[in-house]
C-alpha cells in the first residue's frame, strides 16, 4: 500500500468534529471530560480507534447525556 493510499491513524480536532458532526468546542469538552481520549502531538490529535470506541460506547446518547454521564 502506498503512503498516499494509507488511512490516517490520527485526526485533528477539526476532523474529529466533522466526523462526529459537532463543533470543535464540543470535541474539546469531550477530551477535557475524559470521554474522548486524545494525544498532544503539537496540536490535539484523536486516534481513529478512539473515535470508533467513542461512537460504539455512546451511540444513541446526546452530547448533554454523555457529558453528564459519570462513569
PDB file of N, CA and C in Angstrom:
ATOM      1  N   UNK A   1       0.858  -1.175   0.000  1.00  0.00           N
ATOM      2  CA  UNK A   1       0.000   0.000   0.000  1.00  0.00           C
ATOM      3  C   UNK A   1       0.903   1.237   0.000  1.00  0.00           C
ATOM      4  N   UNK A   2       0.587   2.177  -0.859  1.00  0.00           N
ATOM      5  CA  UNK A   2       1.403   3.385  -0.919  1.00  0.00           C
ATOM      6  C   UNK A   2       1.059   4.309   0.233  1.00  0.00           C
ATOM      7  N   UNK A   3       1.983   5.194   0.527  1.00  0.00           N
ATOM      8  CA  UNK A   3       1.784   6.131   1.637  1.00  0.00           C
ATOM      9  C   UNK A   3       0.532   6.973   1.435  1.00  0.00           C
ATOM     10  N   UNK A   4       0.276   7.421   0.202  1.00  0.00           N
ATOM     11  CA  UNK A   4      -0.894   8.257  -0.067  1.00  0.00           C
ATOM     12  C   UNK A   4      -2.201   7.480   0.054  1.00  0.00           C
ATOM     13  N   UNK A   5      -2.151   6.147  -0.099  1.00  0.00           N
ATOM     14  CA  UNK A   5      -3.358   5.328  -0.010  1.00  0.00           C
ATOM     15  C   UNK A   5      -3.660   4.903   1.427  1.00  0.00           C
ATOM     16  N   UNK A   6      -2.738   5.135   2.336  1.00  0.00           N
ATOM     17  CA  UNK A   6      -2.940   4.728   3.726  1.00  0.00           C
ATOM     18  C   UNK A   6      -3.946   5.637   4.413  1.00  0.00           C
ATOM     19  N   UNK A   7      -4.783   5.039   5.227  1.00  0.00           N
ATOM     20  CA  UNK A   7      -5.771   5.782   6.001  1.00  0.00           C
ATOM     21  C   UNK A   7      -5.059   6.490   7.154  1.00  0.00           C
ATOM     22  N   UNK A   8      -5.407   7.756   7.433  1.00  0.00           N
ATOM     23  CA  UNK A   8      -4.785   8.437   8.581  1.00  0.00           C
ATOM     24  C   UNK A   8      -5.094   7.680   9.869  1.00  0.00           C
ATOM     25  N   UNK A   9      -4.158   7.678  10.778  1.00  0.00           N
ATOM     26  CA  UNK A   9      -4.347   6.980  12.052  1.00  0.00           C
ATOM     27  C   UNK A   9      -4.788   7.926  13.158  1.00  0.00           C
ATOM     28  N   UNK A  10      -4.526   9.218  12.997  1.00  0.00           N
ATOM     29  CA  UNK A  10      -4.975  10.217  13.966  1.00  0.00           C
ATOM     30  C   UNK A  10      -5.643  11.364  13.225  1.00  0.00           C
ATOM     31  N   UNK A  11      -6.557  12.019  13.905  1.00  0.00           N
ATOM     32  CA  UNK A  11      -7.320  13.130  13.321  1.00  0.00           C
ATOM     33  C   UNK A  11      -7.144  14.376  14.170  1.00  0.00           C
ATOM     34  N   UNK A  12      -7.211  15.516  13.530  1.00  0.00           N
ATOM     35  CA  UNK A  12      -7.200  16.784  14.253  1.00  0.00           C
ATOM     36  C   UNK A  12      -8.557  16.950  14.941  1.00  0.00           C
ATOM     37  N   UNK A  13      -8.640  17.931  15.826  1.00  0.00           N
ATOM     38  CA  UNK A  13      -9.917  18.228  16.483  1.00  0.00           C
ATOM     39  C   UNK A  13     -10.957  18.634  15.435  1.00  0.00           C
ATOM     40  N   UNK A  14     -10.549  19.408  14.448  1.00  0.00           N
ATOM     41  CA  UNK A  14     -11.474  19.838  13.382  1.00  0.00           C
ATOM     42  C   UNK A  14     -12.012  18.628  12.619  1.00  0.00           C
ATOM     43  N   UNK A  15     -11.115  17.703  12.257  1.00  0.00           N
ATOM     44  CA  UNK A  15     -11.538  16.493  11.544  1.00  0.00           C
ATOM     45  C   UNK A  15     -12.432  15.629  12.423  1.00  0.00           C
ATOM     46  N   UNK A  16     -12.088  15.509  13.695  1.00  0.00           N
ATOM     47  CA  UNK A  16     -12.884  14.719  14.632  1.00  0.00           C
ATOM     48  C   UNK A  16     -14.275  15.315  14.771  1.00  0.00           C
ATOM     49  N   UNK A  17     -14.357  16.634  14.879  1.00  0.00           N
ATOM     50  CA  UNK A  17     -15.653  17.306  14.979  1.00  0.00           C
ATOM     51  C   UNK A  17     -16.497  17.037  13.735  1.00  0.00           C
ATOM     52  N   UNK A  18     -15.867  17.064  12.580  1.00  0.00           N
ATOM     53  CA  UNK A  18     -16.579  16.806  11.330  1.00  0.00           C
ATOM     54  C   UNK A  18     -17.114  15.370  11.314  1.00  0.00           C
ATOM     55  N   UNK A  19     -16.303  14.422  11.744  1.00  0.00           N
ATOM     56  CA  UNK A  19     -16.722  13.014  11.782  1.00  0.00           C
ATOM     57  C   UNK A  19     -17.891  12.826  12.752  1.00  0.00           C
ATOM     58  N   UNK A  20     -17.811  13.473  13.916  1.00  0.00           N
ATOM     59  CA  UNK A  20     -18.854  13.338  14.947  1.00  0.00           C
ATOM     60  C   UNK A  20     -20.030  14.281  14.721  1.00  0.00           C
ATOM     61  N   UNK A  21     -19.930  15.112  13.681  1.00  0.00           N
ATOM     62  CA  UNK A  21     -20.995  16.066  13.335  1.00  0.00           C
ATOM     63  C   UNK A  21     -21.337  16.988  14.511  1.00  0.00           C
ATOM     64  N   UNK A  22     -20.275  17.599  15.056  1.00  0.00           N
ATOM     65  CA  UNK A  22     -20.432  18.532  16.161  1.00  0.00           C
ATOM     66  C   UNK A  22     -19.419  19.658  16.001  1.00  0.00           C
ATOM     67  N   UNK A  23     -19.381  20.556  16.956  1.00  0.00           N
ATOM     68  CA  UNK A  23     -18.444  21.690  16.919  1.00  0.00           C
ATOM     69  C   UNK A  23     -17.114  21.320  17.556  1.00  0.00           C
ATOM     70  N   UNK A  24     -16.084  22.059  17.161  1.00  0.00           N
ATOM     71  CA  UNK A  24     -14.743  21.858  17.732  1.00  0.00           C
ATOM     72  C   UNK A  24     -14.777  21.992  19.251  1.00  0.00           C
ATOM     73  N   UNK A  25     -15.528  22.986  19.748  1.00  0.00           N
ATOM     74  CA  UNK A  25     -15.578  23.211  21.196  1.00  0.00           C
ATOM     75  C   UNK A  25     -16.152  21.997  21.929  1.00  0.00           C
ATOM     76  N   UNK A  26     -17.092  21.309  21.295  1.00  0.00           N
ATOM     77  CA  UNK A  26     -17.650  20.107  21.920  1.00  0.00           C
ATOM     78  C   UNK A  26     -16.625  18.984  21.973  1.00  0.00           C
ATOM     79  N   UNK A  27     -15.782  18.872  20.950  1.00  0.00           N
ATOM     80  CA  UNK A  27     -14.722  17.859  20.964  1.00  0.00           C
ATOM     81  C   UNK A  27     -13.760  18.165  22.107  1.00  0.00           C
ATOM     82  N   UNK A  28     -13.392  19.442  22.273  1.00  0.00           N
ATOM     83  CA  UNK A  28     -12.515  19.812  23.394  1.00  0.00           C
ATOM     84  C   UNK A  28     -13.168  19.494  24.741  1.00  0.00           C
ATOM     85  N   UNK A  29     -14.477  19.704  24.874  1.00  0.00           N
ATOM     86  CA  UNK A  29     -15.187  19.370  26.121  1.00  0.00           C
ATOM     87  C   UNK A  29     -15.129  17.870  26.380  1.00  0.00           C
ATOM     88  N   UNK A  30     -15.313  17.075  25.322  1.00  0.00           N
ATOM     89  CA  UNK A  30     -15.262  15.621  25.465  1.00  0.00           C
ATOM     90  C   UNK A  30     -13.865  15.164  25.876  1.00  0.00           C
ATOM     91  N   UNK A  31     -12.839  15.792  25.311  1.00  0.00           N
ATOM     92  CA  UNK A  31     -11.459  15.457  25.668  1.00  0.00           C
ATOM     93  C   UNK A  31     -11.199  15.834  27.124  1.00  0.00           C
ATOM     94  N   UNK A  32     -11.601  17.040  27.499  1.00  0.00           N
ATOM     95  CA  UNK A  32     -11.374  17.517  28.876  1.00  0.00           C
ATOM     96  C   UNK A  32     -12.092  16.634  29.899  1.00  0.00           C
ATOM     97  N   UNK A  33     -13.272  16.146  29.542  1.00  0.00           N
ATOM     98  CA  UNK A  33     -14.043  15.302  30.457  1.00  0.00           C
ATOM     99  C   UNK A  33     -13.503  13.875  30.523  1.00  0.00           C
ATOM    100  N   UNK A  34     -12.616  13.516  29.591  1.00  0.00           N
ATOM    101  CA  UNK A  34     -12.078  12.167  29.564  1.00  0.00           C
ATOM    102  C   UNK A  34     -12.918  11.182  28.769  1.00  0.00           C
ATOM    103  N   UNK A  35     -14.011  11.630  28.201  1.00  0.00           N
ATOM    104  CA  UNK A  35     -14.877  10.752  27.404  1.00  0.00           C
ATOM    105  C   UNK A  35     -14.258  10.413  26.062  1.00  0.00           C
ATOM    106  N   UNK A  36     -13.409  11.298  25.561  1.00  0.00           N
ATOM    107  CA  UNK A  36     -12.704  11.091  24.298  1.00  0.00           C
ATOM    108  C   UNK A  36     -11.225  11.307  24.575  1.00  0.00           C
ATOM    109  N   UNK A  37     -10.436  10.288  24.323  1.00  0.00           N
ATOM    110  CA  UNK A  37      -9.005  10.376  24.633  1.00  0.00           C
ATOM    111  C   UNK A  37      -8.236  10.911  23.432  1.00  0.00           C
ATOM    112  N   UNK A  38      -7.319  11.829  23.706  1.00  0.00           N
ATOM    113  CA  UNK A  38      -6.558  12.475  22.642  1.00  0.00           C
ATOM    114  C   UNK A  38      -5.074  12.443  22.961  1.00  0.00           C
ATOM    115  N   UNK A  39      -4.286  12.686  21.940  1.00  0.00           N
ATOM    116  CA  UNK A  39      -2.834  12.795  22.066  1.00  0.00           C
ATOM    117  C   UNK A  39      -2.452  14.246  21.832  1.00  0.00           C
ATOM    118  N   UNK A  40      -1.455  14.718  22.531  1.00  0.00           N
ATOM    119  CA  UNK A  40      -0.947  16.066  22.310  1.00  0.00           C
ATOM    120  C   UNK A  40       0.301  15.923  21.444  1.00  0.00           C
ATOM    121  N   UNK A  41       0.115  16.032  20.139  1.00  0.00           N
ATOM    122  CA  UNK A  41       1.205  15.911  19.171  1.00  0.00           C
ATOM    123  C   UNK A  41       1.329  17.246  18.457  1.00  0.00           C
ATOM    124  N   UNK A  42       1.890  18.236  19.143  1.00  0.00           N
ATOM    125  CA  UNK A  42       1.840  19.606  18.625  1.00  0.00           C
ATOM    126  C   UNK A  42       0.465  20.158  18.957  1.00  0.00           C
ATOM    127  N   UNK A  43      -0.516  19.756  18.162  1.00  0.00           N
ATOM    128  CA  UNK A  43      -1.920  20.063  18.446  1.00  0.00           C
ATOM    129  C   UNK A  43      -2.588  18.786  18.937  1.00  0.00           C
ATOM    130  N   UNK A  44      -3.784  18.924  19.477  1.00  0.00           N
ATOM    131  CA  UNK A  44      -4.528  17.745  19.916  1.00  0.00           C
ATOM    132  C   UNK A  44      -4.852  16.877  18.712  1.00  0.00           C
ATOM    133  N   UNK A  45      -4.663  15.584  18.861  1.00  0.00           N
ATOM    134  CA  UNK A  45      -4.991  14.616  17.823  1.00  0.00           C
ATOM    135  C   UNK A  45      -5.754  13.469  18.455  1.00  0.00           C
ATOM    136  N   UNK A  46      -6.733  12.955  17.730  1.00  0.00           N
ATOM    137  CA  UNK A  46      -7.555  11.859  18.237  1.00  0.00           C
ATOM    138  C   UNK A  46      -7.341  10.652  17.324  1.00  0.00           C
ATOM    139  N   UNK A  47      -6.892   9.523  17.889  1.00  0.00           N
ATOM    140  CA  UNK A  47      -6.703   8.323  17.073  1.00  0.00           C
ATOM    141  C   UNK A  47      -8.034   7.834  16.492  1.00  0.00           C
ATOM    142  N   UNK A  48      -7.987   7.317  15.277  1.00  0.00           N
ATOM    143  CA  UNK A  48      -9.187   6.760  14.650  1.00  0.00           C
ATOM    144  C   UNK A  48      -9.822   5.690  15.525  1.00  0.00           C
ATOM    145  N   UNK A  49      -8.994   4.871  16.157  1.00  0.00           N
ATOM    146  CA  UNK A  49      -9.528   3.803  17.015  1.00  0.00           C
ATOM    147  C   UNK A  49     -10.311   4.381  18.193  1.00  0.00           C
ATOM    148  N   UNK A  50      -9.894   5.547  18.686  1.00  0.00           N
ATOM    149  CA  UNK A  50     -10.599   6.199  19.798  1.00  0.00           C
ATOM    150  C   UNK A  50     -11.926   6.771  19.328  1.00  0.00           C
ATOM    151  N   UNK A  51     -11.963   7.313  18.117  1.00  0.00           N
ATOM    152  CA  UNK A  51     -13.232   7.798  17.556  1.00  0.00           C
ATOM    153  C   UNK A  51     -14.205   6.632  17.424  1.00  0.00           C
ATOM    154  N   UNK A  52     -13.733   5.499  16.912  1.00  0.00           N
ATOM    155  CA  UNK A  52     -14.583   4.312  16.780  1.00  0.00           C
ATOM    156  C   UNK A  52     -15.094   3.840  18.140  1.00  0.00           C
ATOM    157  N   UNK A  53     -14.209   3.813  19.153  1.00  0.00           N
ATOM    158  CA  UNK A  53     -14.606   3.396  20.503  1.00  0.00           C
ATOM    159  C   UNK A  53     -15.666   4.329  21.072  1.00  0.00           C
ATOM    160  N   UNK A  54     -15.450   5.631  20.889  1.00  0.00           N
ATOM    161  CA  UNK A  54     -16.387   6.635  21.387  1.00  0.00           C
ATOM    162  C   UNK A  54     -17.766   6.433  20.765  1.00  0.00           C
ATOM    163  N   UNK A  55     -17.818   6.246  19.458  1.00  0.00           N
ATOM    164  CA  UNK A  55     -19.098   6.053  18.771  1.00  0.00           C
ATOM    165  C   UNK A  55     -19.786   4.789  19.274  1.00  0.00           C
ATOM    166  N   UNK A  56     -19.042   3.693  19.394  1.00  0.00           N
ATOM    167  CA  UNK A  56     -19.627   2.437  19.883  1.00  0.00           C
ATOM    168  C   UNK A  56     -20.136   2.564  21.314  1.00  0.00           C
ATOM    169  N   UNK A  57     -19.387   3.259  22.156  1.00  0.00           N
ATOM    170  CA  UNK A  57     -19.748   3.406  23.571  1.00  0.00           C
ATOM    171  C   UNK A  57     -20.967   4.296  23.771  1.00  0.00           C
ATOM    172  N   UNK A  58     -21.039   5.387  23.026  1.00  0.00           N
ATOM    173  CA  UNK A  58     -22.061   6.400  23.296  1.00  0.00           C
ATOM    174  C   UNK A  58     -23.143   6.516  22.228  1.00  0.00           C
ATOM    175  N   UNK A  59     -23.243   5.557  21.318  1.00  0.00           N
ATOM    176  CA  UNK A  59     -24.277   5.657  20.278  1.00  0.00           C
ATOM    177  C   UNK A  59     -25.658   5.721  20.917  1.00  0.00           C
ATOM    178  N   UNK A  60     -26.497   6.597  20.375  1.00  0.00           N
ATOM    179  CA  UNK A  60     -27.850   6.767  20.890  1.00  0.00           C
ATOM    180  C   UNK A  60     -27.979   7.810  21.989  1.00  0.00           C
ATOM    181  N   UNK A  61     -26.846   8.354  22.475  1.00  0.00           N
ATOM    182  CA  UNK A  61     -26.883   9.363  23.542  1.00  0.00           C
ATOM    183  C   UNK A  61     -26.631  10.754  22.955  1.00  0.00           C
ATOM    184  N   UNK A  62     -27.207  11.755  23.604  1.00  0.00           N
ATOM    185  CA  UNK A  62     -26.946  13.135  23.214  1.00  0.00           C
ATOM    186  C   UNK A  62     -25.642  13.603  23.857  1.00  0.00           C
ATOM    187  N   UNK A  63     -25.105  14.694  23.343  1.00  0.00           N
ATOM    188  CA  UNK A  63     -23.884  15.253  23.914  1.00  0.00           C
ATOM    189  C   UNK A  63     -24.094  15.602  25.386  1.00  0.00           C
ATOM    190  N   UNK A  64     -25.238  16.164  25.698  1.00  0.00           N
ATOM    191  CA  UNK A  64     -25.541  16.521  27.090  1.00  0.00           C
ATOM    192  C   UNK A  64     -25.523  15.282  27.983  1.00  0.00           C
ATOM    193  N   UNK A  65     -26.126  14.198  27.526  1.00  0.00           N
ATOM    194  CA  UNK A  65     -26.137  12.958  28.302  1.00  0.00           C
ATOM    195  C   UNK A  65     -24.726  12.416  28.493  1.00  0.00           C
ATOM    196  N   UNK A  66     -23.907  12.489  27.445  1.00  0.00           N
ATOM    197  CA  UNK A  66     -22.531  11.989  27.522  1.00  0.00           C
ATOM    198  C   UNK A  66     -21.728  12.782  28.532  1.00  0.00           C
ATOM    199  N   UNK A  67     -21.824  14.092  28.478  1.00  0.00           N
ATOM    200  CA  UNK A  67     -21.055  14.931  29.376  1.00  0.00           C
ATOM    201  C   UNK A  67     -21.532  14.835  30.816  1.00  0.00           C
ATOM    202  N   UNK A  68     -22.802  14.529  31.034  1.00  0.00           N
ATOM    203  CA  UNK A  68     -23.343  14.388  32.389  1.00  0.00           C
ATOM    204  C   UNK A  68     -23.109  12.982  32.941  1.00  0.00           C
ATOM    205  N   UNK A  69     -22.846  12.007  32.071  1.00  0.00           N
ATOM    206  CA  UNK A  69     -22.661  10.622  32.463  1.00  0.00           C
ATOM    207  C   UNK A  69     -21.347  10.474  33.238  1.00  0.00           C
ATOM    208  N   UNK A  70     -21.450  10.106  34.506  1.00  0.00           N
ATOM    209  CA  UNK A  70     -20.270   9.905  35.347  1.00  0.00           C
ATOM    210  C   UNK A  70     -19.988   8.425  35.447  1.00  0.00           C
ATOM    211  N   UNK A  71     -19.077   7.929  34.641  1.00  0.00           N
ATOM    212  CA  UNK A  71     -18.740   6.500  34.662  1.00  0.00           C
ATOM    213  C   UNK A  71     -17.609   6.253  35.619  1.00  0.00           C
TER     214      UNK A  71
END
